[in-house]
């Protein structure tokens, strides 16, 4: 009878471990699917925002030799939409809703944009919109204190901003 009880105990333990393993795999799969869904959704929003930007504004972001476009309500609104999207991405990363590798993709583009002369100018107007989210406000301030580089190879630094 002791052998039978030992076998039942072993079977119970193996079944429990299998169940725990299954739950762990399912949670990881779910997290991966959620990251993919979030990534896709926010990239679509980025594309929508980019389409609304005045053409000369995007050009000034990529070419530092161009003169900044004149300030306009449309440009400021587009910059605000971009900053709102960026603050959401920042929030998702800081609260561990997206993985670090997803954040790094977003952050590379974000650093280039926030450091651009265009967004430095627009931030002066829009910073007050983010007082309710001081962590993001401080993030942008810290990013803009660093030197600008249009070369994506120079955006990586040993100090991470997030």
Protein backbone atom coordinates (compact mmCIF):
# COMPACT_ATOMS: atom_id res chain seq x y z
CA UNK A 1 0.00 0.00 0.00
CA UNK A 2 2.90 2.39 0.65
CA UNK A 3 4.07 1.94 -2.96
CA UNK A 4 0.59 2.78 -4.25
CA UNK A 5 0.42 5.92 -2.09
CA UNK A 6 3.91 6.93 -3.19
CA UNK A 7 2.92 6.53 -6.85
CA UNK A 8 -0.24 8.57 -6.30
CA UNK A 9 1.77 11.31 -4.59
CA UNK A 10 4.31 11.34 -7.41
CA UNK A 11 1.51 11.48 -10.02
CA UNK A 12 -0.14 14.34 -8.15
CA UNK A 13 3.13 16.30 -7.95
CA UNK A 14 3.89 15.73 -11.65
CA UNK A 15 0.37 16.80 -12.62
CA UNK A 16 0.61 19.94 -10.45
CA UNK A 17 4.01 20.85 -11.92
CA UNK A 18 2.66 20.29 -15.42
CA UNK A 19 -0.28 22.56 -14.64
CA UNK A 20 2.00 25.28 -13.30
CA UNK A 21 4.25 24.94 -16.36
CA UNK A 22 1.24 25.24 -18.64
CA UNK A 23 0.08 28.41 -16.87
CA UNK A 24 3.57 29.94 -17.13
CA UNK A 25 3.72 29.19 -20.87
CA UNK A 26 0.24 30.62 -21.41
CA UNK A 27 1.05 33.81 -19.49
CA UNK A 28 4.24 34.33 -21.53
CA UNK A 29 2.33 33.69 -24.76
CA UNK A 30 -0.36 36.17 -23.72
CA UNK A 31 2.25 38.82 -22.85
CA UNK A 32 3.90 38.33 -26.23
CA UNK A 33 0.58 38.69 -28.04
CA UNK A 34 -0.28 41.81 -26.04
CA UNK A 35 3.12 43.35 -26.83
CA UNK A 36 2.58 42.66 -30.52
CA UNK A 37 -0.91 44.16 -30.41
CA UNK A 38 0.25 47.26 -28.51
CA UNK A 39 3.23 47.67 -30.84
CA UNK A 40 1.02 47.44 -33.93
CA UNK A 41 -1.64 49.79 -32.57
CA UNK A 42 0.80 52.49 -31.47
CA UNK A 43 2.77 52.27 -34.72
CA UNK A 44 -0.49 52.83 -36.61
CA UNK A 45 -1.18 55.88 -34.48
CA UNK A 46 2.35 57.14 -35.22
CA UNK A 47 1.71 56.75 -38.96
CA UNK A 48 -1.57 58.65 -38.63
CA UNK A 49 0.14 61.49 -36.77
CA UNK A 50 2.99 61.61 -39.29
CA UNK A 51 0.51 61.99 -42.17
CA UNK A 52 -0.97 65.09 -40.52
CA UNK A 53 2.36 66.88 -40.01
CA UNK A 54 3.05 69.70 -42.44
CA UNK A 55 5.54 68.47 -45.04
CA UNK A 56 8.18 71.08 -44.23
CA UNK A 57 8.02 70.10 -40.55
CA UNK A 58 9.07 66.51 -41.19
CA UNK A 59 11.80 67.68 -43.53
CA UNK A 60 13.24 69.94 -40.85
CA UNK A 61 13.34 67.00 -38.44
CA UNK A 62 15.51 64.94 -40.77
CA UNK A 63 17.62 67.69 -42.30
CA UNK A 64 19.22 70.02 -39.78
CA UNK A 65 20.34 72.44 -42.49
CA UNK A 66 16.78 73.41 -43.34
CA UNK A 67 15.15 76.39 -41.72
CA UNK A 68 12.46 75.59 -39.19
CA UNK A 69 8.97 75.88 -40.58
CA UNK A 70 6.90 78.76 -39.27
CA UNK A 71 4.96 78.08 -36.11
CA UNK A 72 1.35 77.22 -36.78
CA UNK A 73 -1.63 75.83 -34.95
CA UNK A 74 -1.56 72.69 -37.13
CA UNK A 75 2.11 72.08 -36.39
CA UNK A 76 1.66 72.58 -32.64
CA UNK A 77 -1.37 70.27 -32.61
CA UNK A 78 0.58 67.58 -34.49
CA UNK A 79 3.49 67.96 -32.09
CA UNK A 80 1.07 67.61 -29.16
CA UNK A 81 -0.40 64.44 -30.67
CA UNK A 82 3.10 63.05 -31.12
CA UNK A 83 4.06 63.93 -27.54
CA UNK A 84 0.86 62.35 -26.20
CA UNK A 85 1.68 59.16 -28.08
CA UNK A 86 5.24 59.28 -26.76
CA UNK A 87 4.01 59.77 -23.20
CA UNK A 88 1.75 56.73 -23.56
CA UNK A 89 4.65 54.63 -24.85
CA UNK A 90 6.76 55.87 -21.96
CA UNK A 91 4.00 54.98 -19.49
CA UNK A 92 3.57 51.50 -20.94
CA UNK A 93 7.29 50.86 -20.66
CA UNK A 94 7.69 52.27 -17.15
CA UNK A 95 4.77 50.18 -15.91
CA UNK A 96 6.10 47.04 -17.63
CA UNK A 97 3.24 46.65 -20.10
CA UNK A 98 5.72 46.42 -22.97
CA UNK A 99 9.04 44.69 -23.11
CA UNK A 100 12.34 46.51 -23.12
CA UNK A 101 13.12 45.52 -26.72
CA UNK A 102 9.87 47.17 -27.88
CA UNK A 103 10.66 50.30 -25.87
CA UNK A 104 14.15 50.50 -27.39
CA UNK A 105 12.65 50.59 -30.89
CA UNK A 106 10.33 53.42 -29.91
CA UNK A 107 12.90 55.29 -27.87
CA UNK A 108 15.46 55.51 -30.67
CA UNK A 109 13.03 57.41 -32.87
CA UNK A 110 11.70 59.38 -29.92
CA UNK A 111 15.18 60.62 -28.92
CA UNK A 112 15.91 61.85 -32.45
CA UNK A 113 12.57 63.64 -32.59
CA UNK A 114 12.68 65.20 -29.12
CA UNK A 115 16.21 66.48 -29.73
CA UNK A 116 15.34 68.04 -33.07
CA UNK A 117 15.27 71.85 -33.22
CA UNK A 118 11.61 71.67 -34.23
CA UNK A 119 10.55 69.75 -31.11
CA UNK A 120 12.79 71.81 -28.87
CA UNK A 121 10.85 74.85 -30.08
CA UNK A 122 7.43 73.18 -29.80
CA UNK A 123 8.21 71.77 -26.34
CA UNK A 124 8.51 75.31 -24.96
CA UNK A 125 4.83 75.77 -25.80
CA UNK A 126 3.62 72.27 -24.96
CA UNK A 127 5.52 71.36 -21.79
CA UNK A 128 2.72 72.70 -19.62
CA UNK A 129 0.39 70.08 -21.14
CA UNK A 130 2.36 67.37 -19.30
CA UNK A 131 2.45 68.73 -15.76
CA UNK A 132 0.01 65.99 -14.79
CA UNK A 133 2.62 63.42 -15.83
CA UNK A 134 5.83 64.71 -14.21
CA UNK A 135 7.88 61.60 -15.05
CA UNK A 136 7.39 62.18 -18.78
CA UNK A 137 7.95 65.91 -18.43
CA UNK A 138 11.28 65.20 -16.69
CA UNK A 139 12.16 62.60 -19.32
CA UNK A 140 11.70 65.10 -22.17
CA UNK A 141 13.61 67.78 -20.28
CA UNK A 142 16.52 65.36 -19.70
CA UNK A 143 16.53 64.24 -23.33
CA UNK A 144 16.52 67.80 -24.61
CA UNK A 145 19.44 68.76 -22.37
CA UNK A 146 21.63 66.30 -24.27
CA UNK A 147 23.23 67.25 -27.54
CA UNK A 148 21.34 66.71 -30.75
CA UNK A 149 22.41 64.16 -33.25
CA UNK A 150 20.63 63.32 -36.46
CA UNK A 151 22.79 60.21 -36.81
CA UNK A 152 20.94 57.20 -35.37
CA UNK A 153 24.25 55.60 -34.43
CA UNK A 154 24.81 58.40 -31.92
CA UNK A 155 21.51 58.15 -30.06
CA UNK A 156 22.60 55.23 -27.92
CA UNK A 157 24.25 56.32 -24.76
CA UNK A 158 25.40 54.46 -21.71
CA UNK A 159 22.90 56.47 -19.69
CA UNK A 160 19.35 55.42 -20.40
CA UNK A 161 16.69 58.06 -19.98
CA UNK A 162 13.90 55.75 -18.96
